[in-house]
Every structure is written in structure tokens, then in C-alpha cells.
Amino acid sequence: MAALLEIDDIYVFYDKIQALKGVSLEVQQGQIVTLVGGNGAGKSTTLKTVSGLLHPRHGEIRLAGERLNERPAHQIAALGVVQVPEGRRVFGRLTVRENLDMGAFARRDRAGIAEDKERMAALFPRLKERWHQLAGTLSGGEQQMVATARALMARPRVLLMDEPSMGLAPMVVEQVFETIAAINAQGVTILLVEQNALLALSIADKGYVLESGRIILNGKGADLLDDERVQRAYLG
């Protein structure tokens, strides 16, 4: 069975600097797949390429068999590949509710949008308490909730999450990963980029280790947690 998302031998450059060197991975429907590695390994570049912010010079990216390579980012988002960006990037001068409205801007099903807002309020109870508060005044953890809920309002087929734990306190990080697992349990397919390899691999069906723009290891999340090379390099 073909994967929902396929990245096949992509090479990506920033001008003359090569960032990705033949990266291949796949995400099956309903999975959490995580991409781990150190700073500068190419993790965020991979997500930017999937979402159309960058374009590969070689290789293919496919969603349910449909080639995405030349499509602009807004078309890829409309097809259901939606990103929670690194650093959250909420609309700080808009309220929590208005941020969620921005996530649903391409939709016209008012009843479905209202239903999804209620679902977000149930998934993120703290946001419901701050529904009319400006997003820029929220804590980092609350802004991460807003960014995630905003992406979910687009009803993604694949949710791309870029460093969701960045800059958050350890207790908040644990809550973020519990939420990611809960979102996946509701049927959302997730491709997760994360520096916290321990937490990322502990919830992942499959993991890929990226180093200097190349995939050097892949396997089940639990198997990679037990791999001595991964432990030595990423788990201390």
C-alpha cells in the first residue's frame, strides 16, 4: 500500500549550499513519524520543502500519489498538508478565536468550523478560558496550543510539526507531547520534527535520524530508542 506522504530522494539547496542530500521517507495514514537530528541537520528544511516553501532540485514529494514538487505553498495547504511552524508564529494582535478563524480561512462550511472550534476547546481547555485574549499576550506553551489548534482548523490530511517543544519548560513539553499523541489518536497523521529525541521517538510509530542532510538511520520509534548509536548521539 502506498504511503499517504512520500518523500523520494530529494535534494534541496539554499543558493549554492546543499541542505538535503537524497532524503527519502514515508508516512502512512494514521502514523506519527518523527525526524530527529542535531541543529543544522536539515529537519526544518525537510518540512519547508514538503509544505512548498522550498522546492527540491531533484526527487519527488507525493501526497496520496499526487506530485507536489512544483505546487506553491497555498495549494499544498489546500490539499491538506498543514504546518505548525517552528517558533509558533501566532498572530499576536489577534485573539485566540481569531487565530483559529485564520486556520479555517479556506473553508466555507460554517457548521463544520463551529464544530471544530468546540473540538479545539475540548482538546485545549486553557484556550477556551482565553478565547478573547490577544495571542501575543499568552505564554509560550499557550501559544503552541494556539498554533496547533489553528493548523487543525484546516482539517489536515498530514500535520507537519516543527520543533513544538522549543523554548518551553519541561513540564509544558510533556503536556505538548501528550497532546500530540491525543491528536494522533483522533486520526490525524503527523510528521514531527523535534530535537527532543527521547520524547519524539517514544510516541512515534517510525523514526528517521537525519545528519548533515542525509538519513543515516530509520526504524520503529521504540527500536531507535534502543539503538546504541541514537542513545550515544541524541539521548546522552
Protein backbone atom coordinates (compact mmCIF):
# COMPACT_ATOMS: atom_id res chain seq x y z
CA MET A 1 0.00 0.00 0.00
CA ALA A 2 1.35 3.42 -0.99
CA ALA A 3 2.14 5.83 1.83
CA LEU A 4 -0.02 8.90 2.37
CA LEU A 5 3.08 11.12 2.19
CA GLU A 6 6.18 10.06 0.25
CA ILE A 7 9.47 11.95 0.08
CA ASP A 8 11.62 10.30 -2.56
CA ASP A 9 15.33 11.12 -2.92
CA ILE A 10 15.07 14.90 -2.62
CA TYR A 11 18.00 17.27 -2.97
CA VAL A 12 17.46 20.82 -1.69
CA PHE A 13 19.75 23.85 -1.89
CA TYR A 14 19.92 27.33 -0.40
CA ASP A 15 21.51 29.04 -3.39
CA LYS A 16 24.74 27.01 -3.79
CA ILE A 17 24.64 25.43 -0.32
CA GLN A 18 23.27 21.90 -0.33
CA ALA A 19 20.94 21.30 2.63
CA LEU A 20 19.36 17.92 1.79
CA LYS A 21 21.22 15.11 0.03
CA GLY A 22 18.89 12.40 -1.19
CA VAL A 23 16.39 12.35 1.67
CA SER A 24 13.67 9.70 1.43
CA LEU A 25 10.95 8.89 3.94
CA GLU A 26 7.32 7.90 4.03
CA VAL A 27 4.36 8.46 6.32
CA GLN A 28 1.48 6.01 6.35
CA GLN A 29 -2.09 7.08 7.08
CA GLY A 30 -2.64 7.45 10.82
CA GLN A 31 1.01 7.32 11.84
CA ILE A 32 3.25 9.60 13.84
CA VAL A 33 6.60 9.71 12.05
CA THR A 34 9.39 11.73 13.61
CA LEU A 35 12.54 13.18 12.12
CA VAL A 36 15.29 13.72 14.70
CA GLY A 37 18.81 15.12 14.47
CA GLY A 38 21.05 17.91 15.67
CA ASN A 39 20.99 21.59 14.79
CA GLY A 40 21.60 22.16 11.08
CA ALA A 41 20.84 18.54 10.14
CA GLY A 42 18.12 19.59 7.70
CA LYS A 43 14.99 18.77 9.70
CA SER A 44 13.18 22.08 9.26
CA THR A 45 14.35 22.25 5.64
CA THR A 46 12.61 18.94 5.02
CA LEU A 47 9.30 20.28 6.36
CA LYS A 48 9.64 23.55 4.43
CA THR A 49 10.17 21.53 1.26
CA VAL A 50 7.13 19.34 1.90
CA SER A 51 4.97 22.41 2.52
CA GLY A 52 6.17 24.19 -0.65
CA LEU A 53 8.23 26.97 0.94
CA LEU A 54 11.27 25.41 -0.73
CA HIS A 55 11.44 23.25 -3.86
CA PRO A 56 13.73 20.28 -4.47
CA ARG A 57 16.13 20.33 -7.43
CA HIS A 58 15.84 16.56 -7.67
CA GLY A 59 13.45 13.94 -6.35
CA GLU A 60 9.72 13.88 -5.70
CA ILE A 61 7.24 14.60 -2.94
CA ARG A 62 3.84 12.90 -3.23
CA LEU A 63 0.61 13.14 -1.27
CA ALA A 64 -1.57 10.07 -1.86
CA GLY A 65 0.35 9.57 -5.11
CA GLU A 66 -0.09 13.17 -6.31
CA ARG A 67 3.14 15.03 -7.07
CA LEU A 68 3.60 18.20 -5.02
CA ASN A 69 7.00 19.42 -6.26
CA GLU A 70 6.05 22.45 -8.31
CA ARG A 71 2.96 23.46 -6.39
CA PRO A 72 3.01 26.71 -4.39
CA ALA A 73 2.61 26.54 -0.63
CA HIS A 74 -1.02 27.69 -0.57
CA GLN A 75 -2.07 24.90 -2.95
CA ILE A 76 -0.24 22.29 -0.88
CA ALA A 77 -2.00 23.58 2.23
CA ALA A 78 -5.34 23.39 0.42
CA LEU A 79 -4.59 19.74 -0.41
CA GLY A 80 -4.27 19.07 3.31
CA VAL A 81 -0.57 19.39 4.19
CA VAL A 82 -0.61 21.90 7.03
CA GLN A 83 2.34 23.07 9.12
CA VAL A 84 2.69 24.15 12.74
CA PRO A 85 5.75 26.38 12.28
CA GLU A 86 8.87 26.49 14.38
CA GLY A 87 8.58 29.28 16.94
CA ARG A 88 4.75 29.07 16.85
CA ARG A 89 4.26 32.31 14.88
CA VAL A 90 0.78 33.10 16.14
CA PHE A 91 -0.96 36.29 15.03
CA GLY A 92 -0.10 38.22 18.18
CA ARG A 93 -2.57 41.08 17.65
CA LEU A 94 -5.48 38.72 17.03
CA THR A 95 -7.41 36.89 19.73
CA VAL A 96 -7.21 33.15 20.22
CA ARG A 97 -10.57 32.76 18.46
CA GLU A 98 -9.43 34.92 15.54
CA ASN A 99 -6.24 32.85 15.19
CA LEU A 100 -8.40 29.73 14.86
CA ASP A 101 -10.52 31.52 12.26
CA MET A 102 -7.33 32.13 10.25
CA GLY A 103 -6.69 28.39 10.24
CA ALA A 104 -10.10 27.85 8.64
CA PHE A 105 -9.87 30.74 6.16
CA ALA A 106 -10.13 28.45 3.10
CA ARG A 107 -13.20 26.64 4.40
CA ARG A 108 -16.82 27.60 3.73
CA ASP A 109 -18.61 25.07 5.94
CA ARG A 110 -19.75 27.28 8.80
CA ALA A 111 -21.32 24.46 10.77
CA GLY A 112 -18.17 22.37 10.46
CA ILE A 113 -15.97 25.31 11.50
CA ALA A 114 -18.10 25.90 14.60
CA GLU A 115 -17.95 22.19 15.40
CA ASP A 116 -14.16 22.18 15.06
CA LYS A 117 -13.84 25.21 17.36
CA GLU A 118 -15.70 23.26 20.01
CA ARG A 119 -13.36 20.33 19.41
CA MET A 120 -10.35 22.63 19.86
CA ALA A 121 -11.85 23.98 23.09
CA ALA A 122 -12.19 20.41 24.37
CA LEU A 123 -8.67 19.48 23.26
CA PHE A 124 -7.15 22.69 24.70
CA PRO A 125 -9.30 23.73 27.71
CA ARG A 126 -6.88 26.51 28.60
CA LEU A 127 -7.52 28.17 25.25
CA LYS A 128 -11.25 28.25 25.89
CA GLU A 129 -10.52 30.28 29.03
CA ARG A 130 -8.55 32.73 26.88
CA TRP A 131 -10.81 32.76 23.82
CA HIS A 132 -10.90 36.57 23.59
CA GLN A 133 -7.34 37.25 24.76
CA LEU A 134 -4.71 38.53 22.34
CA ALA A 135 -2.48 35.61 21.33
CA GLY A 136 0.65 37.72 21.74
CA THR A 137 -0.02 38.02 25.47
CA LEU A 138 -0.10 34.24 26.06
CA SER A 139 2.70 32.11 27.49
CA GLY A 140 4.92 30.09 25.15
CA GLY A 141 3.04 26.89 25.93
CA GLU A 142 -0.32 28.54 25.31
CA GLN A 143 0.92 29.97 22.02
CA GLN A 144 1.99 26.47 20.99
CA MET A 145 -1.59 25.34 21.68
CA VAL A 146 -2.91 28.19 19.53
CA ALA A 147 -0.54 27.34 16.65
CA THR A 148 -1.53 23.68 16.80
CA ALA A 149 -5.25 24.39 17.06
CA ARG A 150 -5.00 26.88 14.17
CA ALA A 151 -3.44 24.18 11.97
CA LEU A 152 -6.05 21.60 12.99
CA MET A 153 -8.82 24.00 11.97
CA ALA A 154 -7.70 23.38 8.37
CA ARG A 155 -8.59 19.67 8.83
CA PRO A 156 -5.16 18.47 7.67
CA ARG A 157 -4.53 15.16 5.98
CA VAL A 158 -0.94 15.45 7.20
CA LEU A 159 0.04 17.71 10.09
CA LEU A 160 3.65 18.91 9.95
CA MET A 161 5.01 19.93 13.37
CA ASP A 162 8.32 21.79 13.54
CA GLU A 163 10.06 21.76 16.94
CA PRO A 164 6.91 22.04 19.09
CA SER A 165 8.89 21.81 22.34
CA MET A 166 11.32 24.62 21.50
CA GLY A 167 11.78 27.11 24.34
CA LEU A 168 9.22 25.52 26.65
CA ALA A 169 9.60 24.45 30.27
CA PRO A 170 10.00 20.66 30.84
CA MET A 171 6.53 20.29 32.38
CA VAL A 172 4.96 22.09 29.43
CA VAL A 173 6.96 19.95 26.98
CA GLU A 174 5.43 16.80 28.47
CA GLN A 175 1.95 18.29 28.03
CA VAL A 176 2.74 19.16 24.41
CA PHE A 177 3.70 15.56 23.64
CA GLU A 178 0.63 14.22 25.41
CA THR A 179 -1.43 16.49 23.18
CA ILE A 180 0.36 15.30 20.04
CA ALA A 181 -0.46 11.70 20.97
CA ALA A 182 -4.10 12.68 21.61
CA ILE A 183 -4.36 14.43 18.23
CA ASN A 184 -2.97 11.34 16.53
CA ALA A 185 -5.45 9.14 18.42
CA GLN A 186 -8.21 11.21 16.80
CA GLY A 187 -6.94 10.05 13.41
CA VAL A 188 -4.57 12.85 12.38
CA THR A 189 -1.42 11.76 10.54
CA ILE A 190 1.65 13.60 11.85
CA LEU A 191 5.18 14.24 10.59
CA LEU A 192 7.09 15.59 13.59
CA VAL A 193 10.46 17.35 13.60
CA GLU A 194 11.92 17.53 17.08
CA GLN A 195 15.23 17.94 18.90
CA ASN A 196 13.95 16.11 21.98
CA ALA A 197 14.65 12.67 20.53
CA LEU A 198 13.59 10.80 23.66
CA LEU A 199 10.05 12.16 23.73
CA ALA A 200 9.67 12.21 19.95
CA LEU A 201 10.71 8.57 19.47
CA SER A 202 8.66 7.46 22.46
CA ILE A 203 5.40 8.44 20.72
CA ALA A 204 6.44 7.74 17.10
CA ASP A 205 5.41 4.74 15.03
CA LYS A 206 8.52 5.29 12.94
CA GLY A 207 11.57 7.49 13.18
CA TYR A 208 14.28 8.78 10.87
CA VAL A 209 17.63 10.14 12.01
CA LEU A 210 18.95 12.99 9.87
CA GLU A 211 22.59 14.05 9.91
CA SER A 212 24.19 16.64 7.62
CA GLY A 213 21.30 16.44 5.18
CA ARG A 214 21.19 12.64 4.92
CA ILE A 215 19.05 9.95 6.54
CA ILE A 216 21.51 7.74 8.42
CA LEU A 217 19.06 5.53 10.34
CA ASN A 218 15.38 4.65 10.31
CA GLY A 219 13.12 2.20 12.06
CA LYS A 220 10.33 1.85 14.59
CA GLY A 221 10.42 4.55 17.24
CA ALA A 222 10.95 2.03 20.04
CA ASP A 223 13.75 0.31 18.14
CA LEU A 224 15.60 3.59 17.60
CA LEU A 225 15.30 4.39 21.30
CA ASP A 226 17.17 1.15 21.98
CA ASP A 227 19.80 1.76 19.31
CA GLU A 228 23.20 2.47 20.86
CA ARG A 229 24.11 4.98 18.15
CA VAL A 230 20.95 7.00 18.80
CA GLN A 231 21.44 6.81 22.56
CA ARG A 232 25.03 7.95 22.29
CA ALA A 233 24.34 10.84 19.90
CA TYR A 234 20.92 12.11 20.96
CA LEU A 235 19.87 10.66 24.31
CA GLY A 236 23.01 11.28 26.36
